[in-house]
Amino acid sequence: VKGRFTISRDNAQNTVYLQMNNLKPEDTAVYYCAADRSRKVHTTDY
């Protein structure tokens, strides 16, 4: 998704966004957001 998707957050609105451009059929899925109390940028679901 590099170059096509952008993640951002608005802490004042308590909202995180995923802007998805140039979508492809292989992007079809259920999309989930998740919170990590370590406050880091982990890449694994556990």
All heavy atoms as atom14 arrays in JSON, in Angstrom:
{
  "sequence": "VKGRFTISRDNAQNTVYLQMNNLKPEDTAVYYCAADRSRKVHTTDY",
  "atom14_mask": [
    [1, 1, 1, 1, 1, 1, 1, 0, 0, 0, 0, 0, 0, 0],
    [1, 1, 1, 1, 1, 1, 1, 1, 1, 0, 0, 0, 0, 0],
    [1, 1, 1, 1, 0, 0, 0, 0, 0, 0, 0, 0, 0, 0],
    [1, 1, 1, 1, 1, 1, 1, 1, 1, 1, 1, 0, 0, 0],
    [1, 1, 1, 1, 1, 1, 1, 1, 1, 1, 1, 0, 0, 0],
    [1, 1, 1, 1, 1, 1, 1, 0, 0, 0, 0, 0, 0, 0],
    [1, 1, 1, 1, 1, 1, 1, 1, 0, 0, 0, 0, 0, 0],
    [1, 1, 1, 1, 1, 1, 0, 0, 0, 0, 0, 0, 0, 0],
    [1, 1, 1, 1, 1, 1, 1, 1, 1, 1, 1, 0, 0, 0],
    [1, 1, 1, 1, 1, 1, 1, 1, 0, 0, 0, 0, 0, 0],
    [1, 1, 1, 1, 1, 1, 1, 1, 0, 0, 0, 0, 0, 0],
    [1, 1, 1, 1, 1, 0, 0, 0, 0, 0, 0, 0, 0, 0],
    [1, 1, 1, 1, 1, 1, 1, 1, 1, 0, 0, 0, 0, 0],
    [1, 1, 1, 1, 1, 1, 1, 1, 0, 0, 0, 0, 0, 0],
    [1, 1, 1, 1, 1, 1, 1, 0, 0, 0, 0, 0, 0, 0],
    [1, 1, 1, 1, 1, 1, 1, 0, 0, 0, 0, 0, 0, 0],
    [1, 1, 1, 1, 1, 1, 1, 1, 1, 1, 1, 1, 0, 0],
    [1, 1, 1, 1, 1, 1, 1, 1, 0, 0, 0, 0, 0, 0],
    [1, 1, 1, 1, 1, 1, 1, 1, 1, 0, 0, 0, 0, 0],
    [1, 1, 1, 1, 1, 1, 1, 1, 0, 0, 0, 0, 0, 0],
    [1, 1, 1, 1, 1, 1, 1, 1, 0, 0, 0, 0, 0, 0],
    [1, 1, 1, 1, 1, 1, 1, 1, 0, 0, 0, 0, 0, 0],
    [1, 1, 1, 1, 1, 1, 1, 1, 0, 0, 0, 0, 0, 0],
    [1, 1, 1, 1, 1, 1, 1, 1, 1, 0, 0, 0, 0, 0],
    [1, 1, 1, 1, 1, 1, 1, 0, 0, 0, 0, 0, 0, 0],
    [1, 1, 1, 1, 1, 1, 1, 1, 1, 0, 0, 0, 0, 0],
    [1, 1, 1, 1, 1, 1, 1, 1, 0, 0, 0, 0, 0, 0],
    [1, 1, 1, 1, 1, 1, 1, 0, 0, 0, 0, 0, 0, 0],
    [1, 1, 1, 1, 1, 0, 0, 0, 0, 0, 0, 0, 0, 0],
    [1, 1, 1, 1, 1, 1, 1, 0, 0, 0, 0, 0, 0, 0],
    [1, 1, 1, 1, 1, 1, 1, 1, 1, 1, 1, 1, 0, 0],
    [1, 1, 1, 1, 1, 1, 1, 1, 1, 1, 1, 1, 0, 0],
    [1, 1, 1, 1, 1, 1, 0, 0, 0, 0, 0, 0, 0, 0],
    [1, 1, 1, 1, 1, 0, 0, 0, 0, 0, 0, 0, 0, 0],
    [1, 1, 1, 1, 1, 0, 0, 0, 0, 0, 0, 0, 0, 0],
    [1, 1, 1, 1, 1, 1, 1, 1, 0, 0, 0, 0, 0, 0],
    [1, 1, 1, 1, 1, 1, 1, 1, 1, 1, 1, 0, 0, 0],
    [1, 1, 1, 1, 1, 1, 0, 0, 0, 0, 0, 0, 0, 0],
    [1, 1, 1, 1, 1, 1, 1, 1, 1, 1, 1, 0, 0, 0],
    [1, 1, 1, 1, 1, 1, 1, 1, 1, 0, 0, 0, 0, 0],
    [1, 1, 1, 1, 1, 1, 1, 0, 0, 0, 0, 0, 0, 0],
    [1, 1, 1, 1, 1, 1, 1, 1, 1, 1, 0, 0, 0, 0],
    [1, 1, 1, 1, 1, 1, 1, 0, 0, 0, 0, 0, 0, 0],
    [1, 1, 1, 1, 1, 1, 1, 0, 0, 0, 0, 0, 0, 0],
    [1, 1, 1, 1, 1, 1, 1, 1, 0, 0, 0, 0, 0, 0],
    [1, 1, 1, 1, 1, 1, 1, 1, 1, 1, 1, 1, 0, 0]
  ],
  "atom14_positions": [
    [[0.81, -1.22, 0.0], [0.0, 0.0, 0.0], [0.84, 1.27, 0.0], [0.26, 2.37, -0.1], [-0.98, 0.03, 1.19], [-1.84, -1.23, 1.21], [-0.24, 0.2, 2.51], [0.0, 0.0, 0.0], [0.0, 0.0, 0.0], [0.0, 0.0, 0.0], [0.0, 0.0, 0.0], [0.0, 0.0, 0.0], [0.0, 0.0, 0.0], [0.0, 0.0, 0.0]],
    [[2.14, 1.16, 0.08], [2.99, 2.35, 0.08], [2.77, 3.17, -1.19], [2.71, 2.63, -2.29], [4.46, 1.96, 0.19], [4.88, 1.5, 1.57], [6.37, 1.15, 1.62], [6.79, 0.7, 3.0], [8.22, 0.33, 3.05], [0.0, 0.0, 0.0], [0.0, 0.0, 0.0], [0.0, 0.0, 0.0], [0.0, 0.0, 0.0], [0.0, 0.0, 0.0]],
    [[2.65, 4.47, -1.01], [2.41, 5.36, -2.13], [0.95, 5.51, -2.5], [0.62, 6.39, -3.3], [0.0, 0.0, 0.0], [0.0, 0.0, 0.0], [0.0, 0.0, 0.0], [0.0, 0.0, 0.0], [0.0, 0.0, 0.0], [0.0, 0.0, 0.0], [0.0, 0.0, 0.0], [0.0, 0.0, 0.0], [0.0, 0.0, 0.0], [0.0, 0.0, 0.0]],
    [[0.09, 4.67, -1.95], [-1.34, 4.74, -2.25], [-2.19, 5.07, -1.03], [-3.19, 5.78, -1.15], [-1.83, 3.41, -2.83], [-1.15, 3.03, -4.14], [-1.82, 1.83, -4.79], [-1.75, 0.64, -3.95], [-2.81, -0.03, -3.5], [-4.03, 0.38, -3.8], [-2.65, -1.11, -2.74], [0.0, 0.0, 0.0], [0.0, 0.0, 0.0], [0.0, 0.0, 0.0]],
    [[-1.8, 4.56, 0.14], [-2.56, 4.77, 1.37], [-1.81, 5.72, 2.29], [-0.57, 5.73, 2.32], [-2.77, 3.46, 2.12], [-3.69, 2.47, 1.45], [-4.16, 2.67, 0.15], [-4.1, 1.34, 2.12], [-5.0, 1.75, -0.45], [-4.94, 0.41, 1.53], [-5.39, 0.62, 0.24], [0.0, 0.0, 0.0], [0.0, 0.0, 0.0], [0.0, 0.0, 0.0]],
    [[-2.55, 6.5, 3.07], [-1.97, 7.39, 4.05], [-2.73, 7.27, 5.36], [-3.96, 7.43, 5.39], [-2.0, 8.85, 3.58], [-1.3, 8.98, 2.34], [-1.34, 9.76, 4.61], [0.0, 0.0, 0.0], [0.0, 0.0, 0.0], [0.0, 0.0, 0.0], [0.0, 0.0, 0.0], [0.0, 0.0, 0.0], [0.0, 0.0, 0.0], [0.0, 0.0, 0.0]],
    [[-2.01, 7.01, 6.45], [-2.62, 6.97, 7.77], [-2.38, 8.31, 8.45], [-1.32, 8.91, 8.31], [-2.06, 5.8, 8.61], [-2.85, 5.65, 9.92], [-0.57, 5.97, 8.88], [-2.5, 4.39, 10.71], [0.0, 0.0, 0.0], [0.0, 0.0, 0.0], [0.0, 0.0, 0.0], [0.0, 0.0, 0.0], [0.0, 0.0, 0.0], [0.0, 0.0, 0.0]],
    [[-3.38, 8.77, 9.18], [-3.26, 10.01, 9.93], [-4.14, 9.92, 11.17], [-4.98, 9.01, 11.28], [-3.64, 11.22, 9.08], [-4.99, 11.14, 8.66], [0.0, 0.0, 0.0], [0.0, 0.0, 0.0], [0.0, 0.0, 0.0], [0.0, 0.0, 0.0], [0.0, 0.0, 0.0], [0.0, 0.0, 0.0], [0.0, 0.0, 0.0], [0.0, 0.0, 0.0]],
    [[-3.96, 10.84, 12.09], [-4.81, 10.86, 13.27], [-5.04, 12.29, 13.71], [-4.19, 13.16, 13.54], [-4.22, 10.03, 14.41], [-2.93, 10.57, 15.0], [-2.27, 9.54, 15.93], [-3.06, 9.28, 17.11], [-2.84, 8.26, 17.95], [-1.85, 7.41, 17.72], [-3.62, 8.09, 19.02], [0.0, 0.0, 0.0], [0.0, 0.0, 0.0], [0.0, 0.0, 0.0]],
    [[-6.21, 12.52, 14.28], [-6.58, 13.8, 14.85], [-6.86, 13.54, 16.32], [-7.94, 13.06, 16.67], [-7.79, 14.38, 14.14], [-8.14, 15.77, 14.61], [-7.73, 16.16, 15.73], [-8.84, 16.49, 13.87], [0.0, 0.0, 0.0], [0.0, 0.0, 0.0], [0.0, 0.0, 0.0], [0.0, 0.0, 0.0], [0.0, 0.0, 0.0], [0.0, 0.0, 0.0]],
    [[-5.88, 13.82, 17.16], [-6.03, 13.51, 18.58], [-7.13, 14.32, 19.25], [-7.76, 13.86, 20.2], [-4.69, 13.72, 19.3], [-3.67, 12.66, 18.94], [-4.02, 11.58, 18.47], [-2.4, 12.97, 19.16], [0.0, 0.0, 0.0], [0.0, 0.0, 0.0], [0.0, 0.0, 0.0], [0.0, 0.0, 0.0], [0.0, 0.0, 0.0], [0.0, 0.0, 0.0]],
    [[-7.37, 15.54, 18.76], [-8.45, 16.35, 19.32], [-9.81, 15.74, 19.05], [-10.74, 15.92, 19.84], [-8.38, 17.77, 18.77], [0.0, 0.0, 0.0], [0.0, 0.0, 0.0], [0.0, 0.0, 0.0], [0.0, 0.0, 0.0], [0.0, 0.0, 0.0], [0.0, 0.0, 0.0], [0.0, 0.0, 0.0], [0.0, 0.0, 0.0], [0.0, 0.0, 0.0]],
    [[-9.95, 15.02, 17.93], [-11.21, 14.38, 17.57], [-11.23, 12.9, 17.91], [-12.22, 12.21, 17.61], [-11.48, 14.57, 16.08], [-11.67, 16.01, 15.66], [-12.91, 16.62, 16.29], [-13.95, 15.98, 16.37], [-12.8, 17.86, 16.73], [0.0, 0.0, 0.0], [0.0, 0.0, 0.0], [0.0, 0.0, 0.0], [0.0, 0.0, 0.0], [0.0, 0.0, 0.0]],
    [[-10.16, 12.39, 18.5], [-10.08, 10.97, 18.88], [-10.35, 10.05, 17.69], [-11.07, 9.05, 17.81], [-11.04, 10.65, 20.02], [-10.74, 11.44, 21.27], [-9.58, 11.69, 21.6], [-11.79, 11.83, 21.99], [0.0, 0.0, 0.0], [0.0, 0.0, 0.0], [0.0, 0.0, 0.0], [0.0, 0.0, 0.0], [0.0, 0.0, 0.0], [0.0, 0.0, 0.0]],
    [[-9.76, 10.38, 16.55], [-10.05, 9.66, 15.32], [-8.76, 9.39, 14.54], [-7.9, 10.26, 14.43], [-11.02, 10.45, 14.44], [-12.22, 10.72, 15.17], [-11.38, 9.67, 13.19], [0.0, 0.0, 0.0], [0.0, 0.0, 0.0], [0.0, 0.0, 0.0], [0.0, 0.0, 0.0], [0.0, 0.0, 0.0], [0.0, 0.0, 0.0], [0.0, 0.0, 0.0]],
    [[-8.66, 8.18, 14.0], [-7.59, 7.83, 13.09], [-8.19, 7.57, 11.72], [-9.31, 7.05, 11.62], [-6.78, 6.61, 13.61], [-7.66, 5.37, 13.71], [-5.58, 6.34, 12.72], [0.0, 0.0, 0.0], [0.0, 0.0, 0.0], [0.0, 0.0, 0.0], [0.0, 0.0, 0.0], [0.0, 0.0, 0.0], [0.0, 0.0, 0.0], [0.0, 0.0, 0.0]],
    [[-7.47, 7.95, 10.67], [-7.97, 7.85, 9.3], [-7.05, 6.98, 8.45], [-5.86, 6.86, 8.71], [-8.06, 9.22, 8.65], [-8.92, 10.21, 9.4], [-8.35, 11.1, 10.3], [-10.29, 10.25, 9.2], [-9.13, 12.01, 10.99], [-11.08, 11.16, 9.89], [-10.5, 12.03, 10.78], [-11.28, 12.94, 11.46], [0.0, 0.0, 0.0], [0.0, 0.0, 0.0]],
    [[-7.62, 6.41, 7.42], [-6.85, 5.75, 6.38], [-7.37, 6.24, 5.04], [-8.46, 5.86, 4.61], [-6.97, 4.22, 6.48], [-6.08, 3.45, 5.51], [-4.61, 3.61, 5.87], [-6.46, 1.96, 5.5], [0.0, 0.0, 0.0], [0.0, 0.0, 0.0], [0.0, 0.0, 0.0], [0.0, 0.0, 0.0], [0.0, 0.0, 0.0], [0.0, 0.0, 0.0]],
    [[-6.59, 7.1, 4.4], [-6.92, 7.58, 3.07], [-6.39, 6.58, 2.06], [-5.19, 6.31, 2.02], [-6.31, 8.96, 2.82], [-6.56, 9.52, 1.43], [-8.02, 9.83, 1.19], [-8.67, 10.43, 2.02], [-8.53, 9.4, 0.04], [0.0, 0.0, 0.0], [0.0, 0.0, 0.0], [0.0, 0.0, 0.0], [0.0, 0.0, 0.0], [0.0, 0.0, 0.0]],
    [[-7.26, 6.03, 1.24], [-6.91, 5.0, 0.28], [-7.15, 5.53, -1.13], [-8.29, 5.81, -1.51], [-7.73, 3.73, 0.52], [-7.63, 3.21, 1.95], [-8.48, 1.62, 2.17], [-10.17, 2.15, 1.87], [0.0, 0.0, 0.0], [0.0, 0.0, 0.0], [0.0, 0.0, 0.0], [0.0, 0.0, 0.0], [0.0, 0.0, 0.0], [0.0, 0.0, 0.0]],
    [[-6.07, 5.68, -1.89], [-6.14, 6.15, -3.26], [-5.71, 5.06, -4.23], [-5.01, 4.12, -3.85], [-5.25, 7.38, -3.45], [-5.68, 8.56, -2.61], [-6.87, 8.78, -2.38], [-4.71, 9.34, -2.14], [0.0, 0.0, 0.0], [0.0, 0.0, 0.0], [0.0, 0.0, 0.0], [0.0, 0.0, 0.0], [0.0, 0.0, 0.0], [0.0, 0.0, 0.0]],
    [[-6.1, 5.22, -5.49], [-5.74, 4.25, -6.53], [-6.04, 2.82, -6.08], [-5.18, 1.93, -6.16], [-4.28, 4.41, -6.92], [-3.91, 3.65, -8.17], [-4.77, 3.35, -9.01], [-2.63, 3.31, -8.32], [0.0, 0.0, 0.0], [0.0, 0.0, 0.0], [0.0, 0.0, 0.0], [0.0, 0.0, 0.0], [0.0, 0.0, 0.0], [0.0, 0.0, 0.0]],
    [[-7.24, 2.61, -5.63], [-7.61, 1.29, -5.11], [-7.58, 0.22, -6.19], [-7.9, 0.48, -7.35], [-8.99, 1.36, -4.47], [-9.02, 2.02, -3.1], [-10.42, 2.48, -2.74], [-8.47, 1.06, -2.04], [0.0, 0.0, 0.0], [0.0, 0.0, 0.0], [0.0, 0.0, 0.0], [0.0, 0.0, 0.0], [0.0, 0.0, 0.0], [0.0, 0.0, 0.0]],
    [[-7.2, -0.97, -5.77], [-7.1, -2.12, -6.64], [-8.03, -3.22, -6.15], [-8.36, -3.27, -4.97], [-5.66, -2.65, -6.67], [-4.61, -1.62, -7.07], [-3.21, -2.19, -6.96], [-2.17, -1.17, -7.36], [-0.79, -1.71, -7.24], [0.0, 0.0, 0.0], [0.0, 0.0, 0.0], [0.0, 0.0, 0.0], [0.0, 0.0, 0.0], [0.0, 0.0, 0.0]],
    [[-8.45, -4.12, -7.04], [-9.31, -5.22, -6.58], [-8.71, -6.02, -5.43], [-9.46, -6.49, -4.57], [-9.47, -6.08, -7.84], [-9.35, -5.1, -8.96], [-8.3, -4.12, -8.5], [0.0, 0.0, 0.0], [0.0, 0.0, 0.0], [0.0, 0.0, 0.0], [0.0, 0.0, 0.0], [0.0, 0.0, 0.0], [0.0, 0.0, 0.0], [0.0, 0.0, 0.0]],
    [[-7.4, -6.17, -5.39], [-6.77, -6.92, -4.32], [-6.81, -6.2, -2.97], [-6.43, -6.78, -1.95], [-5.32, -7.27, -4.67], [-4.49, -6.09, -5.12], [-4.4, -5.96, -6.63], [-5.43, -6.14, -7.31], [-3.29, -5.69, -7.14], [0.0, 0.0, 0.0], [0.0, 0.0, 0.0], [0.0, 0.0, 0.0], [0.0, 0.0, 0.0], [0.0, 0.0, 0.0]],
    [[-7.27, -4.96, -2.95], [-7.49, -4.25, -1.69], [-8.81, -4.63, -1.04], [-9.08, -4.21, 0.09], [-7.47, -2.74, -1.91], [-6.11, -2.23, -2.37], [-5.09, -2.69, -1.84], [-6.09, -1.35, -3.26], [0.0, 0.0, 0.0], [0.0, 0.0, 0.0], [0.0, 0.0, 0.0], [0.0, 0.0, 0.0], [0.0, 0.0, 0.0], [0.0, 0.0, 0.0]],
    [[-9.64, -5.38, -1.72], [-10.92, -5.8, -1.17], [-10.73, -6.61, 0.1], [-10.02, -7.63, 0.1], [-11.71, -6.61, -2.2], [-12.03, -5.78, -3.32], [-13.0, -7.15, -1.61], [0.0, 0.0, 0.0], [0.0, 0.0, 0.0], [0.0, 0.0, 0.0], [0.0, 0.0, 0.0], [0.0, 0.0, 0.0], [0.0, 0.0, 0.0], [0.0, 0.0, 0.0]],
    [[-11.34, -6.17, 1.18], [-11.18, -6.83, 2.48], [-12.06, -6.11, 3.5], [-12.59, -5.03, 3.24], [-9.72, -6.8, 2.94], [0.0, 0.0, 0.0], [0.0, 0.0, 0.0], [0.0, 0.0, 0.0], [0.0, 0.0, 0.0], [0.0, 0.0, 0.0], [0.0, 0.0, 0.0], [0.0, 0.0, 0.0], [0.0, 0.0, 0.0], [0.0, 0.0, 0.0]],
    [[-12.16, -6.71, 4.68], [-12.68, -6.01, 5.83], [-11.5, -5.31, 6.51], [-10.49, -5.95, 6.8], [-13.38, -6.96, 6.82], [-13.83, -6.19, 8.06], [-14.56, -7.63, 6.16], [0.0, 0.0, 0.0], [0.0, 0.0, 0.0], [0.0, 0.0, 0.0], [0.0, 0.0, 0.0], [0.0, 0.0, 0.0], [0.0, 0.0, 0.0], [0.0, 0.0, 0.0]],
    [[-11.64, -4.03, 6.75], [-10.58, -3.23, 7.35], [-10.88, -2.98, 8.81], [-11.99, -2.57, 9.17], [-10.41, -1.91, 6.6], [-9.69, -2.06, 5.28], [-10.31, -2.7, 4.21], [-8.39, -1.61, 5.13], [-9.65, -2.87, 3.01], [-7.72, -1.76, 3.93], [-8.35, -2.4, 2.87], [-7.69, -2.55, 1.67], [0.0, 0.0, 0.0], [0.0, 0.0, 0.0]],
    [[-9.88, -3.21, 9.66], [-10.01, -3.06, 11.1], [-9.01, -2.03, 11.62], [-7.87, -2.0, 11.16], [-9.71, -4.38, 11.82], [-10.61, -5.53, 11.44], [-10.29, -6.36, 10.38], [-11.76, -5.79, 12.17], [-11.11, -7.42, 10.03], [-12.58, -6.86, 11.84], [-12.24, -7.66, 10.77], [-13.05, -8.73, 10.43], [0.0, 0.0, 0.0], [0.0, 0.0, 0.0]],
    [[-9.43, -1.23, 12.57], [-8.47, -0.42, 13.28], [-8.17, -1.06, 14.63], [-8.98, -1.83, 15.17], [-8.94, 1.03, 13.46], [-10.37, 1.28, 14.53], [0.0, 0.0, 0.0], [0.0, 0.0, 0.0], [0.0, 0.0, 0.0], [0.0, 0.0, 0.0], [0.0, 0.0, 0.0], [0.0, 0.0, 0.0], [0.0, 0.0, 0.0], [0.0, 0.0, 0.0]],
    [[-6.99, -0.76, 15.17], [-6.54, -1.37, 16.4], [-5.75, -0.36, 17.21], [-5.11, 0.54, 16.66], [-5.68, -2.6, 16.11], [0.0, 0.0, 0.0], [0.0, 0.0, 0.0], [0.0, 0.0, 0.0], [0.0, 0.0, 0.0], [0.0, 0.0, 0.0], [0.0, 0.0, 0.0], [0.0, 0.0, 0.0], [0.0, 0.0, 0.0], [0.0, 0.0, 0.0]],
    [[-5.78, -0.53, 18.53], [-5.08, 0.35, 19.46], [-4.03, -0.43, 20.23], [-4.29, -1.53, 20.72], [-6.06, 1.0, 20.42], [0.0, 0.0, 0.0], [0.0, 0.0, 0.0], [0.0, 0.0, 0.0], [0.0, 0.0, 0.0], [0.0, 0.0, 0.0], [0.0, 0.0, 0.0], [0.0, 0.0, 0.0], [0.0, 0.0, 0.0], [0.0, 0.0, 0.0]],
    [[-2.85, 0.16, 20.35], [-1.71, -0.44, 21.03], [-1.3, 0.45, 22.19], [-0.87, 1.58, 21.97], [-0.56, -0.6, 20.03], [0.76, -0.96, 20.68], [0.76, -1.49, 21.8], [1.81, -0.7, 20.04], [0.0, 0.0, 0.0], [0.0, 0.0, 0.0], [0.0, 0.0, 0.0], [0.0, 0.0, 0.0], [0.0, 0.0, 0.0], [0.0, 0.0, 0.0]],
    [[-1.42, -0.05, 23.4], [-1.13, 0.77, 24.57], [0.36, 1.04, 24.76], [0.71, 1.86, 25.61], [-1.72, 0.14, 25.83], [-1.17, -1.21, 26.22], [-1.91, -1.73, 27.44], [-1.44, -3.05, 27.84], [-0.43, -3.27, 28.68], [0.22, -2.23, 29.21], [-0.07, -4.5, 28.99], [0.0, 0.0, 0.0], [0.0, 0.0, 0.0], [0.0, 0.0, 0.0]],
    [[1.22, 0.4, 23.99], [2.64, 0.75, 24.02], [2.91, 2.06, 23.3], [4.0, 2.62, 23.42], [3.49, -0.36, 23.41], [3.45, -0.32, 22.0], [0.0, 0.0, 0.0], [0.0, 0.0, 0.0], [0.0, 0.0, 0.0], [0.0, 0.0, 0.0], [0.0, 0.0, 0.0], [0.0, 0.0, 0.0], [0.0, 0.0, 0.0], [0.0, 0.0, 0.0]],
    [[1.95, 2.52, 22.49], [2.01, 3.77, 21.73], [3.07, 3.76, 20.64], [3.5, 4.81, 20.17], [2.22, 4.96, 22.68], [1.14, 5.08, 23.75], [1.27, 6.35, 24.54], [2.48, 6.38, 25.35], [2.84, 7.41, 26.11], [2.09, 8.51, 26.14], [3.97, 7.35, 26.82], [0.0, 0.0, 0.0], [0.0, 0.0, 0.0], [0.0, 0.0, 0.0]],
    [[3.45, 2.58, 20.19], [4.43, 2.44, 19.14], [3.75, 2.06, 17.82], [2.52, 2.0, 17.73], [5.49, 1.41, 19.54], [6.27, 1.81, 20.78], [7.31, 0.76, 21.16], [8.09, 1.18, 22.39], [9.09, 0.16, 22.79], [0.0, 0.0, 0.0], [0.0, 0.0, 0.0], [0.0, 0.0, 0.0], [0.0, 0.0, 0.0], [0.0, 0.0, 0.0]],
    [[4.56, 1.78, 16.8], [4.04, 1.49, 15.46], [4.27, 0.02, 15.12], [4.99, -0.32, 14.19], [4.65, 2.42, 14.4], [4.07, 3.82, 14.53], [6.16, 2.46, 14.52], [0.0, 0.0, 0.0], [0.0, 0.0, 0.0], [0.0, 0.0, 0.0], [0.0, 0.0, 0.0], [0.0, 0.0, 0.0], [0.0, 0.0, 0.0], [0.0, 0.0, 0.0]],
    [[3.64, -0.85, 15.87], [3.78, -2.28, 15.64], [3.09, -2.72, 14.36], [2.1, -2.12, 13.93], [3.23, -3.06, 16.83], [3.99, -2.83, 18.09], [3.39, -2.53, 19.29], [5.32, -2.85, 18.34], [4.3, -2.38, 20.22], [5.48, -2.57, 19.67], [0.0, 0.0, 0.0], [0.0, 0.0, 0.0], [0.0, 0.0, 0.0], [0.0, 0.0, 0.0]],
    [[3.6, -3.79, 13.77], [3.08, -4.3, 12.5], [2.46, -5.68, 12.6], [2.03, -6.22, 11.59], [4.2, -4.34, 11.44], [5.25, -5.21, 11.88], [4.78, -2.94, 11.22], [0.0, 0.0, 0.0], [0.0, 0.0, 0.0], [0.0, 0.0, 0.0], [0.0, 0.0, 0.0], [0.0, 0.0, 0.0], [0.0, 0.0, 0.0], [0.0, 0.0, 0.0]],
    [[2.39, -6.26, 13.79], [1.78, -7.57, 13.98], [0.58, -7.47, 14.9], [0.57, -6.68, 15.85], [2.8, -8.57, 14.56], [3.43, -7.99, 15.71], [3.87, -8.9, 13.53], [0.0, 0.0, 0.0], [0.0, 0.0, 0.0], [0.0, 0.0, 0.0], [0.0, 0.0, 0.0], [0.0, 0.0, 0.0], [0.0, 0.0, 0.0], [0.0, 0.0, 0.0]],
    [[-0.44, -8.28, 14.62], [-1.7, -8.11, 15.32], [-1.61, -8.43, 16.81], [-2.34, -7.84, 17.61], [-2.81, -8.93, 14.65], [-2.47, -10.4, 14.5], [-1.4, -10.83, 14.97], [-3.3, -11.12, 13.9], [0.0, 0.0, 0.0], [0.0, 0.0, 0.0], [0.0, 0.0, 0.0], [0.0, 0.0, 0.0], [0.0, 0.0, 0.0], [0.0, 0.0, 0.0]],
    [[-0.71, -9.36, 17.19], [-0.62, -9.71, 18.61], [-0.08, -8.59, 19.47], [-0.17, -8.66, 20.7], [0.21, -10.98, 18.8], [1.67, -10.86, 18.4], [2.6, -10.3, 19.26], [2.1, -11.34, 17.17], [3.94, -10.21, 18.89], [3.43, -11.25, 16.8], [4.35, -10.68, 17.66], [5.67, -10.6, 17.3], [0.0, 0.0, 0.0], [0.0, 0.0, 0.0]]
  ]
}
